[in-house]
Amino acid sequence: MLRWCAGYPPAVRLVAAKLLARAGQPLASFAAELGEDPLDGDVPGARAGLGAARRALSPAAAHLFGRLGLHDIATLRVATAPDASGKLVRKLFDELLSVNLVIEDGPGRYRFPDIVRHFARECGRELRDQDVVDAWMRLRQPVETAAVAGRGRSGALSQ
Protein backbone atom coordinates (compact mmCIF):
# COMPACT_ATOMS: atom_id res chain seq x y z
CA MET A 1 0.00 0.00 0.00
CA LEU A 2 2.76 2.44 0.84
CA ARG A 3 4.41 1.82 -2.51
CA TRP A 4 1.10 2.58 -4.23
CA CYS A 5 0.90 5.86 -2.28
CA ALA A 6 4.55 6.51 -3.16
CA GLY A 7 5.15 8.25 0.13
CA TYR A 8 2.62 10.98 -0.63
CA PRO A 9 1.36 11.80 2.89
CA PRO A 10 -2.25 12.70 1.97
CA ALA A 11 -2.60 9.47 -0.03
CA VAL A 12 -1.18 7.39 2.84
CA ARG A 13 -3.74 8.91 5.23
CA LEU A 14 -6.63 8.32 2.81
CA VAL A 15 -5.68 4.70 2.07
CA ALA A 16 -5.14 4.00 5.77
CA ALA A 17 -8.57 5.42 6.64
CA LYS A 18 -10.21 3.32 3.95
CA LEU A 19 -8.36 0.19 5.08
CA LEU A 20 -9.37 0.79 8.71
CA ALA A 21 -13.00 0.98 7.63
CA ARG A 22 -12.63 -2.47 6.03
CA ALA A 23 -11.00 -4.32 8.89
CA GLY A 24 -12.32 -7.68 7.69
CA GLN A 25 -11.06 -7.38 4.13
CA PRO A 26 -7.86 -9.30 3.30
CA LEU A 27 -4.94 -7.01 2.57
CA ALA A 28 -4.23 -8.69 -0.79
CA SER A 29 -7.75 -8.06 -2.09
CA PHE A 30 -7.63 -4.47 -0.85
CA ALA A 31 -4.32 -3.92 -2.67
CA ALA A 32 -5.74 -5.48 -5.86
CA GLU A 33 -8.73 -3.18 -5.61
CA LEU A 34 -6.48 -0.13 -5.67
CA GLY A 35 -5.34 -1.04 -9.18
CA GLU A 36 -2.43 0.23 -11.21
CA ASP A 37 -3.49 3.87 -11.58
CA PRO A 38 -3.77 5.51 -8.18
CA LEU A 39 -6.34 8.04 -9.37
CA ASP A 40 -8.52 5.32 -10.89
CA GLY A 41 -8.70 3.54 -7.55
CA ASP A 42 -11.53 4.33 -5.17
CA VAL A 43 -9.50 6.46 -2.79
CA PRO A 44 -11.90 9.14 -1.63
CA GLY A 45 -10.43 12.59 -1.53
CA ALA A 46 -7.13 11.86 -3.30
CA ARG A 47 -8.01 13.96 -6.34
CA ALA A 48 -9.51 16.67 -4.13
CA GLY A 49 -6.36 16.77 -2.00
CA LEU A 50 -4.13 17.01 -5.05
CA GLY A 51 -6.33 19.72 -6.51
CA ALA A 52 -6.15 21.70 -3.28
CA ALA A 53 -2.36 21.40 -3.26
CA ARG A 54 -2.20 22.63 -6.85
CA ARG A 55 -4.53 25.55 -6.12
CA ALA A 56 -2.19 26.60 -3.29
CA LEU A 57 0.59 27.17 -5.85
CA SER A 58 1.41 30.40 -7.62
CA PRO A 59 0.28 30.44 -11.28
CA ALA A 60 3.90 29.91 -12.42
CA ALA A 61 4.42 26.90 -10.13
CA ALA A 62 1.07 25.39 -11.19
CA HIS A 63 2.12 25.86 -14.82
CA LEU A 64 5.46 24.17 -14.14
CA PHE A 65 3.64 21.29 -12.44
CA GLY A 66 1.44 20.72 -15.49
CA ARG A 67 4.34 21.01 -17.91
CA LEU A 68 6.32 18.45 -15.91
CA GLY A 69 3.29 16.16 -16.12
CA LEU A 70 3.62 16.09 -19.90
CA HIS A 71 6.90 14.19 -19.53
CA ASP A 72 6.93 10.71 -18.05
CA ILE A 73 10.16 11.14 -16.12
CA ALA A 74 10.90 9.28 -12.89
CA THR A 75 13.55 11.69 -11.61
CA LEU A 76 13.82 15.35 -12.50
CA ARG A 77 17.29 16.82 -12.48
CA VAL A 78 17.26 20.57 -12.08
CA ALA A 79 20.58 22.22 -12.76
CA THR A 80 19.79 25.85 -12.11
CA ALA A 81 22.13 28.62 -13.09
CA PRO A 82 22.74 31.42 -10.59
CA ASP A 83 20.91 33.87 -12.87
CA ALA A 84 17.34 35.15 -12.46
CA SER A 85 15.74 32.24 -14.35
CA GLY A 86 17.63 29.68 -12.25
CA LYS A 87 16.52 31.36 -9.06
CA LEU A 88 12.92 31.40 -10.27
CA VAL A 89 13.00 27.69 -11.15
CA ARG A 90 14.43 26.86 -7.73
CA LYS A 91 11.70 28.96 -6.08
CA LEU A 92 9.00 27.16 -8.10
CA PHE A 93 10.37 23.75 -7.10
CA ASP A 94 10.38 24.93 -3.48
CA GLU A 95 6.67 25.67 -3.88
CA LEU A 96 6.05 22.18 -5.28
CA LEU A 97 7.98 20.73 -2.34
CA SER A 98 6.04 22.76 0.21
CA VAL A 99 2.71 21.20 -0.85
CA ASN A 100 4.13 17.66 -1.29
CA LEU A 101 3.77 17.59 -5.08
CA VAL A 102 7.43 16.59 -5.53
CA ILE A 103 9.94 14.87 -3.29
CA GLU A 104 13.55 15.99 -3.16
CA ASP A 105 15.85 13.03 -3.87
CA GLY A 106 19.11 14.91 -3.47
CA PRO A 107 20.63 18.23 -4.48
CA GLY A 108 18.82 19.40 -7.59
CA ARG A 109 16.95 16.07 -7.97
CA TYR A 110 13.21 15.70 -7.54
CA ARG A 111 10.66 13.00 -8.18
CA PHE A 112 6.91 12.69 -8.33
CA PRO A 113 5.16 10.21 -6.06
CA ASP A 114 3.24 7.88 -8.42
CA ILE A 115 -0.16 9.23 -7.45
CA VAL A 116 1.06 12.79 -8.05
CA ARG A 117 2.60 11.88 -11.42
CA HIS A 118 -0.80 10.64 -12.60
CA PHE A 119 -2.41 13.89 -11.48
CA ALA A 120 0.36 15.94 -13.11
CA ARG A 121 -0.37 14.14 -16.40
CA GLU A 122 -4.01 15.23 -16.15
CA CYS A 123 -2.90 18.81 -15.50
CA GLY A 124 -0.53 18.57 -18.46
CA ARG A 125 -3.36 17.46 -20.73
CA GLU A 126 -5.29 20.57 -19.66
CA LEU A 127 -2.27 22.69 -20.64
CA ARG A 128 -2.12 21.01 -24.06
CA ASP A 129 -5.79 21.90 -24.57
CA GLN A 130 -4.99 25.49 -23.58
CA ASP A 131 -2.08 25.48 -26.05
CA VAL A 132 -4.51 24.54 -28.84
CA VAL A 133 -6.79 27.43 -27.88
CA ASP A 134 -3.83 29.83 -27.69
CA ALA A 135 -2.59 28.72 -31.12
CA TRP A 136 -6.07 29.23 -32.56
CA MET A 137 -6.24 32.70 -31.00
CA ARG A 138 -2.86 33.65 -32.47
CA LEU A 139 -4.12 32.64 -35.90
CA ARG A 140 -7.39 34.53 -35.41
CA GLN A 141 -5.80 37.72 -34.13
CA PRO A 142 -4.49 38.98 -37.50
CA VAL A 143 -7.91 38.31 -39.04
CA GLU A 144 -9.69 40.18 -36.24
CA THR A 145 -7.17 43.05 -36.41
CA ALA A 146 -7.71 43.37 -40.15
CA ALA A 147 -11.49 43.32 -39.63
CA VAL A 148 -11.27 46.06 -36.99
CA ALA A 149 -9.05 48.15 -39.26
CA GLY A 150 -11.56 47.67 -42.10
CA ARG A 151 -14.60 48.79 -40.08
CA GLY A 152 -16.75 51.47 -41.50
CA ARG A 153 -18.50 54.15 -39.47
CA SER A 154 -21.18 51.61 -38.54
CA GLY A 155 -18.72 49.79 -36.32
CA ALA A 156 -19.83 46.36 -37.58
CA LEU A 157 -17.25 43.69 -38.16
CA SER A 158 -17.36 41.83 -41.45
CA GLN A 159 -17.29 38.05 -41.06
C-alpha atoms as a PDB file:
ATOM      1  CA  MET A   1       0.000   0.000   0.000  1.00  0.00           C
ATOM      2  CA  LEU A   2       2.762   2.441   0.843  1.00  0.00           C
ATOM      3  CA  ARG A   3       4.410   1.822  -2.514  1.00  0.00           C
ATOM      4  CA  TRP A   4       1.100   2.582  -4.228  1.00  0.00           C
ATOM      5  CA  CYS A   5       0.897   5.860  -2.279  1.00  0.00           C
ATOM      6  CA  ALA A   6       4.553   6.514  -3.158  1.00  0.00           C
ATOM      7  CA  GLY A   7       5.145   8.250   0.132  1.00  0.00           C
ATOM      8  CA  TYR A   8       2.617  10.980  -0.628  1.00  0.00           C
ATOM      9  CA  PRO A   9       1.361  11.805   2.894  1.00  0.00           C
ATOM     10  CA  PRO A  10      -2.248  12.703   1.971  1.00  0.00           C
ATOM     11  CA  ALA A  11      -2.602   9.465  -0.027  1.00  0.00           C
ATOM     12  CA  VAL A  12      -1.183   7.387   2.841  1.00  0.00           C
ATOM     13  CA  ARG A  13      -3.745   8.909   5.230  1.00  0.00           C
ATOM     14  CA  LEU A  14      -6.634   8.316   2.808  1.00  0.00           C
ATOM     15  CA  VAL A  15      -5.676   4.703   2.067  1.00  0.00           C
ATOM     16  CA  ALA A  16      -5.138   3.999   5.767  1.00  0.00           C
ATOM     17  CA  ALA A  17      -8.568   5.416   6.640  1.00  0.00           C
ATOM     18  CA  LYS A  18     -10.212   3.315   3.951  1.00  0.00           C
ATOM     19  CA  LEU A  19      -8.364   0.189   5.078  1.00  0.00           C
ATOM     20  CA  LEU A  20      -9.369   0.788   8.715  1.00  0.00           C
ATOM     21  CA  ALA A  21     -13.004   0.982   7.631  1.00  0.00           C
ATOM     22  CA  ARG A  22     -12.629  -2.473   6.033  1.00  0.00           C
ATOM     23  CA  ALA A  23     -10.998  -4.318   8.891  1.00  0.00           C
ATOM     24  CA  GLY A  24     -12.324  -7.684   7.694  1.00  0.00           C
ATOM     25  CA  GLN A  25     -11.056  -7.384   4.126  1.00  0.00           C
ATOM     26  CA  PRO A  26      -7.864  -9.304   3.304  1.00  0.00           C
ATOM     27  CA  LEU A  27      -4.944  -7.009   2.572  1.00  0.00           C
ATOM     28  CA  ALA A  28      -4.226  -8.688  -0.794  1.00  0.00           C
ATOM     29  CA  SER A  29      -7.754  -8.060  -2.093  1.00  0.00           C
ATOM     30  CA  PHE A  30      -7.629  -4.472  -0.849  1.00  0.00           C
ATOM     31  CA  ALA A  31      -4.324  -3.921  -2.672  1.00  0.00           C
ATOM     32  CA  ALA A  32      -5.738  -5.485  -5.859  1.00  0.00           C
ATOM     33  CA  GLU A  33      -8.731  -3.176  -5.613  1.00  0.00           C
ATOM     34  CA  LEU A  34      -6.480  -0.129  -5.671  1.00  0.00           C
ATOM     35  CA  GLY A  35      -5.342  -1.037  -9.175  1.00  0.00           C
ATOM     36  CA  GLU A  36      -2.433   0.229 -11.214  1.00  0.00           C
ATOM     37  CA  ASP A  37      -3.494   3.868 -11.581  1.00  0.00           C
ATOM     38  CA  PRO A  38      -3.772   5.509  -8.180  1.00  0.00           C
ATOM     39  CA  LEU A  39      -6.336   8.043  -9.374  1.00  0.00           C
ATOM     40  CA  ASP A  40      -8.522   5.325 -10.890  1.00  0.00           C
ATOM     41  CA  GLY A  41      -8.701   3.541  -7.551  1.00  0.00           C
ATOM     42  CA  ASP A  42     -11.528   4.327  -5.168  1.00  0.00           C
ATOM     43  CA  VAL A  43      -9.504   6.458  -2.792  1.00  0.00           C
ATOM     44  CA  PRO A  44     -11.898   9.143  -1.626  1.00  0.00           C
ATOM     45  CA  GLY A  45     -10.433  12.589  -1.527  1.00  0.00           C
ATOM     46  CA  ALA A  46      -7.129  11.862  -3.304  1.00  0.00           C
ATOM     47  CA  ARG A  47      -8.011  13.955  -6.343  1.00  0.00           C
ATOM     48  CA  ALA A  48      -9.508  16.667  -4.134  1.00  0.00           C
ATOM     49  CA  GLY A  49      -6.357  16.769  -2.004  1.00  0.00           C
ATOM     50  CA  LEU A  50      -4.126  17.006  -5.048  1.00  0.00           C
ATOM     51  CA  GLY A  51      -6.334  19.723  -6.513  1.00  0.00           C
ATOM     52  CA  ALA A  52      -6.154  21.700  -3.276  1.00  0.00           C
ATOM     53  CA  ALA A  53      -2.359  21.399  -3.257  1.00  0.00           C
ATOM     54  CA  ARG A  54      -2.204  22.633  -6.852  1.00  0.00           C
ATOM     55  CA  ARG A  55      -4.530  25.554  -6.121  1.00  0.00           C
ATOM     56  CA  ALA A  56      -2.186  26.604  -3.292  1.00  0.00           C
ATOM     57  CA  LEU A  57       0.589  27.171  -5.850  1.00  0.00           C
ATOM     58  CA  SER A  58       1.411  30.402  -7.617  1.00  0.00           C
ATOM     59  CA  PRO A  59       0.280  30.440 -11.275  1.00  0.00           C
ATOM     60  CA  ALA A  60       3.897  29.914 -12.417  1.00  0.00           C
ATOM     61  CA  ALA A  61       4.422  26.897 -10.129  1.00  0.00           C
ATOM     62  CA  ALA A  62       1.074  25.393 -11.194  1.00  0.00           C
ATOM     63  CA  HIS A  63       2.118  25.860 -14.822  1.00  0.00           C
ATOM     64  CA  LEU A  64       5.462  24.167 -14.142  1.00  0.00           C
ATOM     65  CA  PHE A  65       3.644  21.287 -12.445  1.00  0.00           C
ATOM     66  CA  GLY A  66       1.437  20.724 -15.493  1.00  0.00           C
ATOM     67  CA  ARG A  67       4.344  21.007 -17.915  1.00  0.00           C
ATOM     68  CA  LEU A  68       6.317  18.449 -15.912  1.00  0.00           C
ATOM     69  CA  GLY A  69       3.289  16.161 -16.115  1.00  0.00           C
ATOM     70  CA  LEU A  70       3.619  16.092 -19.901  1.00  0.00           C
ATOM     71  CA  HIS A  71       6.900  14.191 -19.530  1.00  0.00           C
ATOM     72  CA  ASP A  72       6.930  10.713 -18.054  1.00  0.00           C
ATOM     73  CA  ILE A  73      10.163  11.142 -16.123  1.00  0.00           C
ATOM     74  CA  ALA A  74      10.905   9.279 -12.890  1.00  0.00           C
ATOM     75  CA  THR A  75      13.553  11.689 -11.608  1.00  0.00           C
ATOM     76  CA  LEU A  76      13.816  15.349 -12.502  1.00  0.00           C
ATOM     77  CA  ARG A  77      17.290  16.816 -12.478  1.00  0.00           C
ATOM     78  CA  VAL A  78      17.259  20.566 -12.084  1.00  0.00           C
ATOM     79  CA  ALA A  79      20.577  22.225 -12.761  1.00  0.00           C
ATOM     80  CA  THR A  80      19.790  25.849 -12.111  1.00  0.00           C
ATOM     81  CA  ALA A  81      22.127  28.616 -13.089  1.00  0.00           C
ATOM     82  CA  PRO A  82      22.741  31.418 -10.585  1.00  0.00           C
ATOM     83  CA  ASP A  83      20.910  33.874 -12.874  1.00  0.00           C
ATOM     84  CA  ALA A  84      17.340  35.146 -12.461  1.00  0.00           C
ATOM     85  CA  SER A  85      15.739  32.240 -14.353  1.00  0.00           C
ATOM     86  CA  GLY A  86      17.628  29.677 -12.253  1.00  0.00           C
ATOM     87  CA  LYS A  87      16.517  31.363  -9.056  1.00  0.00           C
ATOM     88  CA  LEU A  88      12.919  31.398 -10.271  1.00  0.00           C
ATOM     89  CA  VAL A  89      13.001  27.686 -11.147  1.00  0.00           C
ATOM     90  CA  ARG A  90      14.428  26.858  -7.726  1.00  0.00           C
ATOM     91  CA  LYS A  91      11.701  28.961  -6.076  1.00  0.00           C
ATOM     92  CA  LEU A  92       8.997  27.160  -8.098  1.00  0.00           C
ATOM     93  CA  PHE A  93      10.367  23.754  -7.103  1.00  0.00           C
ATOM     94  CA  ASP A  94      10.383  24.933  -3.484  1.00  0.00           C
ATOM     95  CA  GLU A  95       6.675  25.665  -3.876  1.00  0.00           C
ATOM     96  CA  LEU A  96       6.046  22.180  -5.276  1.00  0.00           C
ATOM     97  CA  LEU A  97       7.983  20.727  -2.338  1.00  0.00           C
ATOM     98  CA  SER A  98       6.037  22.761   0.207  1.00  0.00           C
ATOM     99  CA  VAL A  99       2.714  21.201  -0.854  1.00  0.00           C
ATOM    100  CA  ASN A 100       4.128  17.661  -1.288  1.00  0.00           C
ATOM    101  CA  LEU A 101       3.772  17.593  -5.082  1.00  0.00           C
ATOM    102  CA  VAL A 102       7.428  16.594  -5.533  1.00  0.00           C
ATOM    103  CA  ILE A 103       9.938  14.867  -3.286  1.00  0.00           C
ATOM    104  CA  GLU A 104      13.555  15.993  -3.164  1.00  0.00           C
ATOM    105  CA  ASP A 105      15.848  13.034  -3.869  1.00  0.00           C
ATOM    106  CA  GLY A 106      19.105  14.914  -3.474  1.00  0.00           C
ATOM    107  CA  PRO A 107      20.630  18.229  -4.475  1.00  0.00           C
ATOM    108  CA  GLY A 108      18.819  19.396  -7.594  1.00  0.00           C
ATOM    109  CA  ARG A 109      16.946  16.073  -7.968  1.00  0.00           C
ATOM    110  CA  TYR A 110      13.209  15.700  -7.540  1.00  0.00           C
ATOM    111  CA  ARG A 111      10.662  13.000  -8.183  1.00  0.00           C
ATOM    112  CA  PHE A 112       6.911  12.694  -8.327  1.00  0.00           C
ATOM    113  CA  PRO A 113       5.158  10.214  -6.063  1.00  0.00           C
ATOM    114  CA  ASP A 114       3.242   7.876  -8.424  1.00  0.00           C
ATOM    115  CA  ILE A 115      -0.160   9.227  -7.452  1.00  0.00           C
ATOM    116  CA  VAL A 116       1.055  12.792  -8.049  1.00  0.00           C
ATOM    117  CA  ARG A 117       2.597  11.877 -11.415  1.00  0.00           C
ATOM    118  CA  HIS A 118      -0.798  10.641 -12.604  1.00  0.00           C
ATOM    119  CA  PHE A 119      -2.414  13.888 -11.475  1.00  0.00           C
ATOM    120  CA  ALA A 120       0.362  15.938 -13.107  1.00  0.00           C
ATOM    121  CA  ARG A 121      -0.371  14.138 -16.396  1.00  0.00           C
ATOM    122  CA  GLU A 122      -4.006  15.231 -16.151  1.00  0.00           C
ATOM    123  CA  CYS A 123      -2.904  18.809 -15.497  1.00  0.00           C
ATOM    124  CA  GLY A 124      -0.527  18.566 -18.458  1.00  0.00           C
ATOM    125  CA  ARG A 125      -3.364  17.456 -20.732  1.00  0.00           C
ATOM    126  CA  GLU A 126      -5.286  20.569 -19.663  1.00  0.00           C
ATOM    127  CA  LEU A 127      -2.273  22.688 -20.637  1.00  0.00           C
ATOM    128  CA  ARG A 128      -2.116  21.012 -24.059  1.00  0.00           C
ATOM    129  CA  ASP A 129      -5.789  21.902 -24.568  1.00  0.00           C
ATOM    130  CA  GLN A 130      -4.985  25.494 -23.576  1.00  0.00           C
ATOM    131  CA  ASP A 131      -2.081  25.475 -26.048  1.00  0.00           C
ATOM    132  CA  VAL A 132      -4.507  24.542 -28.838  1.00  0.00           C
ATOM    133  CA  VAL A 133      -6.794  27.425 -27.879  1.00  0.00           C
ATOM    134  CA  ASP A 134      -3.832  29.829 -27.686  1.00  0.00           C
ATOM    135  CA  ALA A 135      -2.592  28.720 -31.123  1.00  0.00           C
ATOM    136  CA  TRP A 136      -6.073  29.227 -32.558  1.00  0.00           C
ATOM    137  CA  MET A 137      -6.238  32.700 -30.997  1.00  0.00           C
ATOM    138  CA  ARG A 138      -2.857  33.648 -32.466  1.00  0.00           C
ATOM    139  CA  LEU A 139      -4.117  32.636 -35.902  1.00  0.00           C
ATOM    140  CA  ARG A 140      -7.393  34.525 -35.414  1.00  0.00           C
ATOM    141  CA  GLN A 141      -5.801  37.723 -34.128  1.00  0.00           C
ATOM    142  CA  PRO A 142      -4.491  38.984 -37.498  1.00  0.00           C
ATOM    143  CA  VAL A 143      -7.914  38.310 -39.042  1.00  0.00           C
ATOM    144  CA  GLU A 144      -9.691  40.182 -36.243  1.00  0.00           C
ATOM    145  CA  THR A 145      -7.167  43.047 -36.407  1.00  0.00           C
ATOM    146  CA  ALA A 146      -7.709  43.373 -40.151  1.00  0.00           C
ATOM    147  CA  ALA A 147     -11.487  43.316 -39.632  1.00  0.00           C
ATOM    148  CA  VAL A 148     -11.272  46.059 -36.995  1.00  0.00           C
ATOM    149  CA  ALA A 149      -9.052  48.145 -39.261  1.00  0.00           C
ATOM    150  CA  GLY A 150     -11.561  47.675 -42.100  1.00  0.00           C
ATOM    151  CA  ARG A 151     -14.595  48.792 -40.080  1.00  0.00           C
ATOM    152  CA  GLY A 152     -16.745  51.472 -41.496  1.00  0.00           C
ATOM    153  CA  ARG A 153     -18.501  54.154 -39.470  1.00  0.00           C
ATOM    154  CA  SER A 154     -21.184  51.610 -38.543  1.00  0.00           C
ATOM    155  CA  GLY A 155     -18.719  49.791 -36.317  1.00  0.00           C
ATOM    156  CA  ALA A 156     -19.830  46.359 -37.581  1.00  0.00           C
ATOM    157  CA  LEU A 157     -17.252  43.691 -38.159  1.00  0.00           C
ATOM    158  CA  SER A 158     -17.365  41.825 -41.449  1.00  0.00           C
ATOM    159  CA  GLN A 159     -17.292  38.054 -41.056  1.00  0.00           C
END
